[in-house]
């Protein structure tokens, strides 16, 4: 009798363990600046002449498709058991580029859909979000315009705001950003990043006021590290602590070693993953923590820096010379836990 009880107890524990594992899933989000994903056709409304066949960069349909396939390789390499549920992209020219990526690259079997901005950026680059409709049910999306001209600066990228529902039934608000560059100097360009951060902060505050338990994910290339004034003073994205306030923002990349962009031998961490405190509540059915945010420094994305030593992102161009790599940035990723009763 005792033997039967022991066997029953062991089977019970195993069943409970496997049930608990089966009731917990991963929802993965990736952010990636893909370095000038331009098509090979002229758009008269954009300054895209550098990326036309026969022009200074030697861009072509073949090089475009090679780059698309390499971006697909990176996204698939960022998979766990399945391709990422969300992929925020920076520096994409138009929906032709994204259609090619999701329908005619190795990503075609994933079934991604996408939304993107249509910004007044003079270079013609935008931000976009790829999503899997089975795990992220799209509710709405819109662009947030940055009033750069009114502040004496050239037009910049819109912020993309996307709202959807995840499998737990929770609503997730996603913001994809590409803040103004450091062109002209870090200090002289800083006010324009702070302006973009102000617009983003207003949008985040609006969501927090609208929803009872808002769940907010902000990702993209901020052209500033986690300690930049645009992030700390305006956006008020703090390093995660032991206790999270649901009304505050927390930068999951704060304190991470290494970087996502390298300039003159120094790594910078420009690509951020920011959440609000609700998403750091481990008792919630949909949550994460700082340890689950990482820089994806796959070996194939790096090469030796023959000037300063060490590694550097294996980029598509070196100056105007075609180099054949992936991007001048490394991607970042974060896992959220989906817990079902």
Protein backbone atom coordinates (compact mmCIF):
# COMPACT_ATOMS: atom_id res chain seq x y z
CA UNK A 1 0.00 0.00 0.00
CA UNK A 2 2.79 2.38 0.93
CA UNK A 3 4.57 1.57 -2.36
CA UNK A 4 1.44 2.45 -4.34
CA UNK A 5 1.11 5.70 -2.43
CA UNK A 6 4.74 6.65 -3.20
CA UNK A 7 4.24 5.93 -6.90
CA UNK A 8 1.02 7.96 -6.93
CA UNK A 9 2.73 10.85 -5.14
CA UNK A 10 5.65 10.89 -7.61
CA UNK A 11 3.25 10.83 -10.57
CA UNK A 12 1.23 13.65 -9.00
CA UNK A 13 4.33 15.83 -8.55
CA UNK A 14 5.46 15.16 -12.13
CA UNK A 15 2.02 16.01 -13.52
CA UNK A 16 1.91 19.25 -11.53
CA UNK A 17 5.40 20.17 -12.70
CA UNK A 18 4.67 19.54 -16.36
CA UNK A 19 1.33 21.38 -16.09
CA UNK A 20 3.08 24.39 -14.57
CA UNK A 21 5.67 24.44 -17.36
CA UNK A 22 2.98 24.08 -20.02
CA UNK A 23 1.05 26.99 -18.46
CA UNK A 24 3.98 29.37 -18.84
CA UNK A 25 5.01 30.76 -22.20
CA UNK A 26 7.50 33.30 -23.49
CA UNK A 27 6.63 36.42 -25.45
CA UNK A 28 9.76 37.87 -27.06
CA UNK A 29 10.29 41.42 -28.34
CA UNK A 30 13.32 42.48 -30.39
CA UNK A 31 14.57 45.95 -31.29
CA UNK A 32 16.93 46.44 -34.23
CA UNK A 33 18.34 49.41 -36.15
CA UNK A 34 18.95 47.76 -39.52
CA UNK A 35 21.16 50.53 -41.02
CA UNK A 36 19.49 52.10 -44.05
CA UNK A 37 17.15 49.46 -45.45
CA UNK A 38 16.41 51.25 -48.73
CA UNK A 39 14.84 49.75 -51.80
CA UNK A 40 16.40 50.27 -55.26
CA UNK A 41 13.72 52.55 -56.73
CA UNK A 42 13.56 56.34 -56.69
CA UNK A 43 10.98 58.10 -54.52
CA UNK A 44 10.66 61.70 -55.70
CA UNK A 45 9.49 62.77 -52.22
CA UNK A 46 12.60 61.46 -50.46
CA UNK A 47 16.33 62.05 -50.58
CA UNK A 48 17.14 58.47 -51.56
CA UNK A 49 19.49 59.07 -54.50
CA UNK A 50 22.48 57.52 -52.69
CA UNK A 51 20.64 54.19 -52.70
CA UNK A 52 19.85 53.95 -56.40
CA UNK A 53 21.52 51.63 -58.92
CA UNK A 54 24.48 53.26 -60.64
CA UNK A 55 24.89 55.90 -57.95
CA UNK A 56 27.69 56.61 -55.48
CA UNK A 57 26.99 53.67 -53.12
CA UNK A 58 26.55 51.12 -55.87
CA UNK A 59 23.24 49.96 -54.43
CA UNK A 60 21.30 47.40 -56.47
CA UNK A 61 18.34 45.04 -56.36
CA UNK A 62 20.75 42.18 -55.60
CA UNK A 63 22.33 43.99 -52.66
CA UNK A 64 18.89 45.01 -51.40
CA UNK A 65 17.66 41.40 -51.39
CA UNK A 66 20.87 40.20 -49.79
CA UNK A 67 20.41 42.72 -46.98
CA UNK A 68 16.76 41.71 -46.52
CA UNK A 69 17.79 38.06 -46.18
CA UNK A 70 20.45 39.00 -43.64
CA UNK A 71 17.92 40.92 -41.54
CA UNK A 72 15.67 37.85 -41.67
CA UNK A 73 18.59 35.71 -40.49
CA UNK A 74 19.11 37.98 -37.48
CA UNK A 75 15.43 37.88 -36.53
CA UNK A 76 15.32 34.09 -36.79
CA UNK A 77 18.54 33.83 -34.78
CA UNK A 78 16.79 35.84 -32.07
CA UNK A 79 14.21 33.08 -31.73
CA UNK A 80 13.74 30.79 -28.76
CA UNK A 81 11.44 27.99 -29.86
CA UNK A 82 9.57 30.39 -32.13
CA UNK A 83 10.34 33.59 -34.01
CA UNK A 84 10.01 36.78 -31.92
CA UNK A 85 6.46 37.97 -31.36
CA UNK A 86 7.37 41.64 -31.92
CA UNK A 87 10.25 43.20 -33.85
CA UNK A 88 10.76 46.96 -33.75
CA UNK A 89 12.83 48.20 -36.70
CA UNK A 90 14.62 51.51 -37.29
CA UNK A 91 15.89 52.92 -40.62
CA UNK A 92 13.41 51.33 -43.02
CA UNK A 93 12.50 53.29 -46.16
CA UNK A 94 9.00 52.05 -47.00
CA UNK A 95 6.45 49.23 -47.03
CA UNK A 96 8.02 47.69 -50.15
CA UNK A 97 11.07 46.89 -48.02
CA UNK A 98 8.91 45.36 -45.30
CA UNK A 99 6.72 43.42 -47.74
CA UNK A 100 9.89 41.94 -49.21
CA UNK A 101 11.14 41.08 -45.72
CA UNK A 102 8.00 39.35 -44.46
CA UNK A 103 6.87 37.70 -47.73
CA UNK A 104 9.98 36.95 -49.80
CA UNK A 105 12.73 36.23 -47.29
CA UNK A 106 13.30 33.32 -44.88
CA UNK A 107 10.68 35.03 -42.67
CA UNK A 108 7.89 34.18 -45.11
CA UNK A 109 6.75 31.13 -43.12
CA UNK A 110 6.48 33.08 -39.85
CA UNK A 111 3.42 35.05 -40.97
CA UNK A 112 4.51 38.47 -39.74
CA UNK A 113 2.40 41.52 -40.41
CA UNK A 114 3.63 45.06 -39.95
CA UNK A 115 2.77 48.68 -39.33
CA UNK A 116 5.08 51.63 -39.93
CA UNK A 117 5.29 55.41 -39.88
CA UNK A 118 5.41 57.78 -42.83
CA UNK A 119 7.65 60.48 -41.45
CA UNK A 120 8.87 63.77 -42.95
CA UNK A 121 12.46 62.66 -42.31
CA UNK A 122 14.57 64.08 -45.14
CA UNK A 123 16.55 60.88 -45.60
CA UNK A 124 13.33 58.95 -46.03
CA UNK A 125 13.79 56.49 -43.18
CA UNK A 126 11.05 55.36 -40.80
CA UNK A 127 10.35 53.02 -37.91
CA UNK A 128 8.19 49.91 -38.07
CA UNK A 129 6.84 47.05 -35.99
CA UNK A 130 6.58 43.46 -37.16
CA UNK A 131 4.07 41.42 -35.19
CA UNK A 132 2.67 37.91 -35.15
CA UNK A 133 -1.14 38.24 -35.27
CA UNK A 134 -1.59 34.95 -33.41
CA UNK A 135 0.22 36.26 -30.32
CA UNK A 136 -0.35 40.03 -30.63
CA UNK A 137 -3.83 41.02 -31.77
CA UNK A 138 -3.54 44.48 -33.28
CA UNK A 139 -6.03 47.00 -31.91
CA UNK A 140 -4.69 50.32 -33.22
CA UNK A 141 -1.62 52.16 -34.44
CA UNK A 142 -0.73 55.77 -35.15
CA UNK A 143 2.26 58.05 -35.63
CA UNK A 144 3.38 60.77 -33.24
CA UNK A 145 4.91 63.72 -35.09
CA UNK A 146 7.91 65.51 -33.57
CA UNK A 147 7.60 69.31 -34.16
CA UNK A 148 11.24 69.67 -35.18
CA UNK A 149 10.77 72.46 -37.73
CA UNK A 150 9.11 74.68 -35.15
CA UNK A 151 12.27 74.32 -33.04
CA UNK A 152 14.79 75.08 -35.78
CA UNK A 153 15.74 71.53 -36.68
CA UNK A 154 15.27 69.41 -39.78
CA UNK A 155 12.32 66.98 -39.77
CA UNK A 156 12.92 63.71 -37.96
CA UNK A 157 11.30 60.30 -37.57
CA UNK A 158 7.81 59.96 -36.11
CA UNK A 159 7.28 57.77 -33.06
CA UNK A 160 5.16 54.71 -33.79
CA UNK A 161 2.50 53.84 -31.17
CA UNK A 162 0.94 50.39 -31.52
CA UNK A 163 -1.68 48.84 -29.24
CA UNK A 164 -2.54 45.14 -29.13
CA UNK A 165 -3.66 42.29 -26.92
CA UNK A 166 -1.42 39.40 -25.87
CA UNK A 167 -2.57 35.86 -25.12
CA UNK A 168 -3.32 36.57 -21.45
CA UNK A 169 -5.87 39.16 -22.54
CA UNK A 170 -3.70 42.05 -21.36
CA UNK A 171 -3.39 45.17 -23.50
CA UNK A 172 0.18 46.12 -24.45
CA UNK A 173 1.11 49.57 -25.74
CA UNK A 174 4.32 49.57 -27.78
CA UNK A 175 6.28 52.66 -28.79
CA UNK A 176 9.01 52.35 -31.46
CA UNK A 177 11.41 55.30 -31.59
CA UNK A 178 14.40 56.58 -33.51
CA UNK A 179 15.53 59.80 -31.86
CA UNK A 180 17.51 62.51 -33.74
CA UNK A 181 21.15 61.67 -34.39
CA UNK A 182 24.26 63.25 -32.88
CA UNK A 183 25.13 64.90 -36.19
CA UNK A 184 26.77 68.27 -35.51
CA UNK A 185 27.89 67.25 -32.02
CA UNK A 186 26.42 65.59 -28.94
CA UNK A 187 25.65 68.83 -27.07
CA UNK A 188 24.32 70.82 -30.01
CA UNK A 189 21.99 68.00 -31.07
CA UNK A 190 20.84 67.10 -27.54
CA UNK A 191 17.89 69.56 -27.45
CA UNK A 192 16.28 67.75 -30.38
CA UNK A 193 16.49 64.38 -28.62
CA UNK A 194 15.00 66.02 -25.56
CA UNK A 195 12.17 67.36 -27.72
CA UNK A 196 11.48 63.84 -29.03
CA UNK A 197 11.59 62.52 -25.45
CA UNK A 198 9.05 65.17 -24.42
CA UNK A 199 6.64 64.01 -27.15
CA UNK A 200 7.14 60.40 -26.11
CA UNK A 201 6.62 61.22 -22.42
CA UNK A 202 3.33 62.97 -23.21
CA UNK A 203 2.15 59.92 -25.18
CA UNK A 204 3.14 57.53 -22.38
CA UNK A 205 1.37 59.71 -19.79
CA UNK A 206 -1.76 59.68 -21.94
CA UNK A 207 -1.78 55.87 -21.95
CA UNK A 208 -1.22 55.75 -18.19
CA UNK A 209 -4.16 58.08 -17.62
CA UNK A 210 -6.41 56.15 -20.00
CA UNK A 211 -5.85 52.57 -18.76
CA UNK A 212 -6.39 51.14 -15.29
CA UNK A 213 -3.36 48.82 -15.49
CA UNK A 214 -1.28 50.06 -18.45
CA UNK A 215 1.43 47.83 -19.85
CA UNK A 216 3.96 49.86 -21.81
CA UNK A 217 7.01 48.82 -23.83
CA UNK A 218 9.25 51.46 -25.41
CA UNK A 219 12.04 50.39 -27.74
CA UNK A 220 14.29 51.82 -30.41
CA UNK A 221 17.47 53.74 -31.15
CA UNK A 222 17.65 56.78 -28.85
CA UNK A 223 21.10 57.97 -29.99
CA UNK A 224 21.81 58.29 -26.27
CA UNK A 225 22.90 55.89 -23.58
CA UNK A 226 20.70 55.00 -20.59
CA UNK A 227 22.18 57.95 -18.67
CA UNK A 228 21.46 60.53 -21.40
CA UNK A 229 19.43 63.55 -20.30
CA UNK A 230 16.63 62.81 -22.75
CA UNK A 231 16.10 59.44 -21.04
CA UNK A 232 16.76 60.36 -17.41
CA UNK A 233 15.41 63.91 -17.12
CA UNK A 234 12.61 64.02 -19.70
CA UNK A 235 11.47 60.43 -20.14
CA UNK A 236 12.43 59.64 -16.52
CA UNK A 237 13.37 56.05 -17.33
CA UNK A 238 15.10 54.75 -14.20
CA UNK A 239 17.29 51.70 -13.62
CA UNK A 240 15.14 48.80 -12.35
CA UNK A 241 15.21 48.35 -8.57
CA UNK A 242 13.85 45.82 -6.11
CA UNK A 243 10.47 47.56 -5.99
CA UNK A 244 8.75 48.99 -9.06
CA UNK A 245 6.24 51.83 -9.06
CA UNK A 246 3.56 51.05 -11.65
CA UNK A 247 3.41 54.73 -12.70
CA UNK A 248 7.14 55.01 -13.50
CA UNK A 249 9.30 53.91 -16.42
CA UNK A 250 12.31 51.60 -16.08
CA UNK A 251 15.13 51.13 -18.57
CA UNK A 252 15.96 47.43 -18.75
CA UNK A 253 19.26 48.24 -20.51
CA UNK A 254 20.63 50.29 -17.61
CA UNK A 255 23.79 48.73 -16.22
CA UNK A 256 24.25 46.28 -19.10
CA UNK A 257 27.82 45.57 -20.14
CA UNK A 258 28.92 46.28 -23.69
CA UNK A 259 26.94 48.26 -26.21
CA UNK A 260 24.99 48.20 -29.46
CA UNK A 261 26.97 50.77 -31.49
CA UNK A 262 30.71 51.38 -31.63
CA UNK A 263 32.36 54.67 -32.57
CA UNK A 264 36.13 55.22 -32.61
CA UNK A 265 36.78 52.20 -30.45
CA UNK A 266 34.14 53.00 -27.80
CA UNK A 267 30.89 51.10 -27.32
CA UNK A 268 27.67 53.06 -26.83
CA UNK A 269 24.36 51.59 -25.68
CA UNK A 270 21.95 53.53 -27.90
CA UNK A 271 19.26 50.87 -28.29
CA UNK A 272 16.90 50.77 -25.31
CA UNK A 273 14.14 48.56 -23.91
CA UNK A 274 11.95 50.47 -21.47
CA UNK A 275 8.89 49.25 -19.56
CA UNK A 276 6.57 50.66 -16.93
CA UNK A 277 6.35 49.25 -13.43
CA UNK A 278 3.23 47.15 -14.10
CA UNK A 279 5.30 44.92 -16.40
CA UNK A 280 7.81 44.31 -13.59
CA UNK A 281 5.18 42.85 -11.26
CA UNK A 282 6.05 39.14 -11.07
CA UNK A 283 2.58 38.35 -9.77
CA UNK A 284 1.09 39.58 -13.03
CA UNK A 285 0.13 37.15 -15.79
CA UNK A 286 2.30 39.14 -18.22
CA UNK A 287 5.60 40.38 -16.84
CA UNK A 288 9.36 40.60 -17.23
CA UNK A 289 12.49 41.65 -15.35
CA UNK A 290 15.83 43.28 -16.12
CA UNK A 291 17.66 39.96 -16.40
CA UNK A 292 15.51 39.01 -19.38
CA UNK A 293 16.74 41.97 -21.47
CA UNK A 294 19.91 41.28 -23.48
CA UNK A 295 22.12 42.56 -26.27
CA UNK A 296 22.18 40.04 -29.11
CA UNK A 297 25.88 40.00 -29.95
CA UNK A 298 25.87 36.92 -32.17
CA UNK A 299 29.38 36.20 -33.54
CA UNK A 300 28.21 36.56 -37.15
CA UNK A 301 27.12 40.15 -36.40
CA UNK A 302 30.64 41.15 -35.38
CA UNK A 303 34.04 41.51 -37.01
CA UNK A 304 37.47 42.63 -35.87
CA UNK A 305 38.01 46.37 -35.62
CA UNK A 306 41.24 46.73 -37.60
CA UNK A 307 41.75 50.33 -36.43
CA UNK A 308 40.99 50.33 -32.69
CA UNK A 309 41.07 46.62 -31.92
CA UNK A 310 38.35 44.47 -30.42
CA UNK A 311 35.05 43.77 -32.16
CA UNK A 312 32.77 46.08 -34.11
CA UNK A 313 29.34 45.49 -35.69
CA UNK A 314 29.66 43.97 -39.18
CA UNK A 315 27.97 46.76 -41.09
CA UNK A 316 26.58 47.10 -44.60
CA UNK A 317 28.75 50.08 -45.54
CA UNK A 318 32.04 51.54 -44.42
CA UNK A 319 31.65 55.14 -45.40
CA UNK A 320 30.51 54.99 -49.01
CA UNK A 321 32.13 51.61 -49.67
CA UNK A 322 29.90 48.54 -49.68
CA UNK A 323 31.05 46.14 -46.98
CA UNK A 324 28.35 43.48 -47.19
CA UNK A 325 27.50 43.09 -43.50
CA UNK A 326 24.32 43.29 -41.48
CA UNK A 327 24.08 46.62 -39.66
CA UNK A 328 26.11 49.16 -37.70
CA UNK A 329 23.95 48.34 -34.64
CA UNK A 330 23.43 45.17 -32.63
CA UNK A 331 19.85 44.14 -31.80
CA UNK A 332 18.39 43.93 -28.31
CA UNK A 333 15.71 41.57 -26.99
CA UNK A 334 13.52 41.05 -23.94
CA UNK A 335 11.39 38.10 -22.86
CA UNK A 336 8.04 38.48 -21.15
CA UNK A 337 6.47 35.63 -19.24
CA UNK A 338 2.87 34.70 -20.02
CA UNK A 339 1.40 32.77 -17.08
CA UNK A 340 -1.94 31.01 -17.45
CA UNK A 341 -4.01 29.54 -14.61
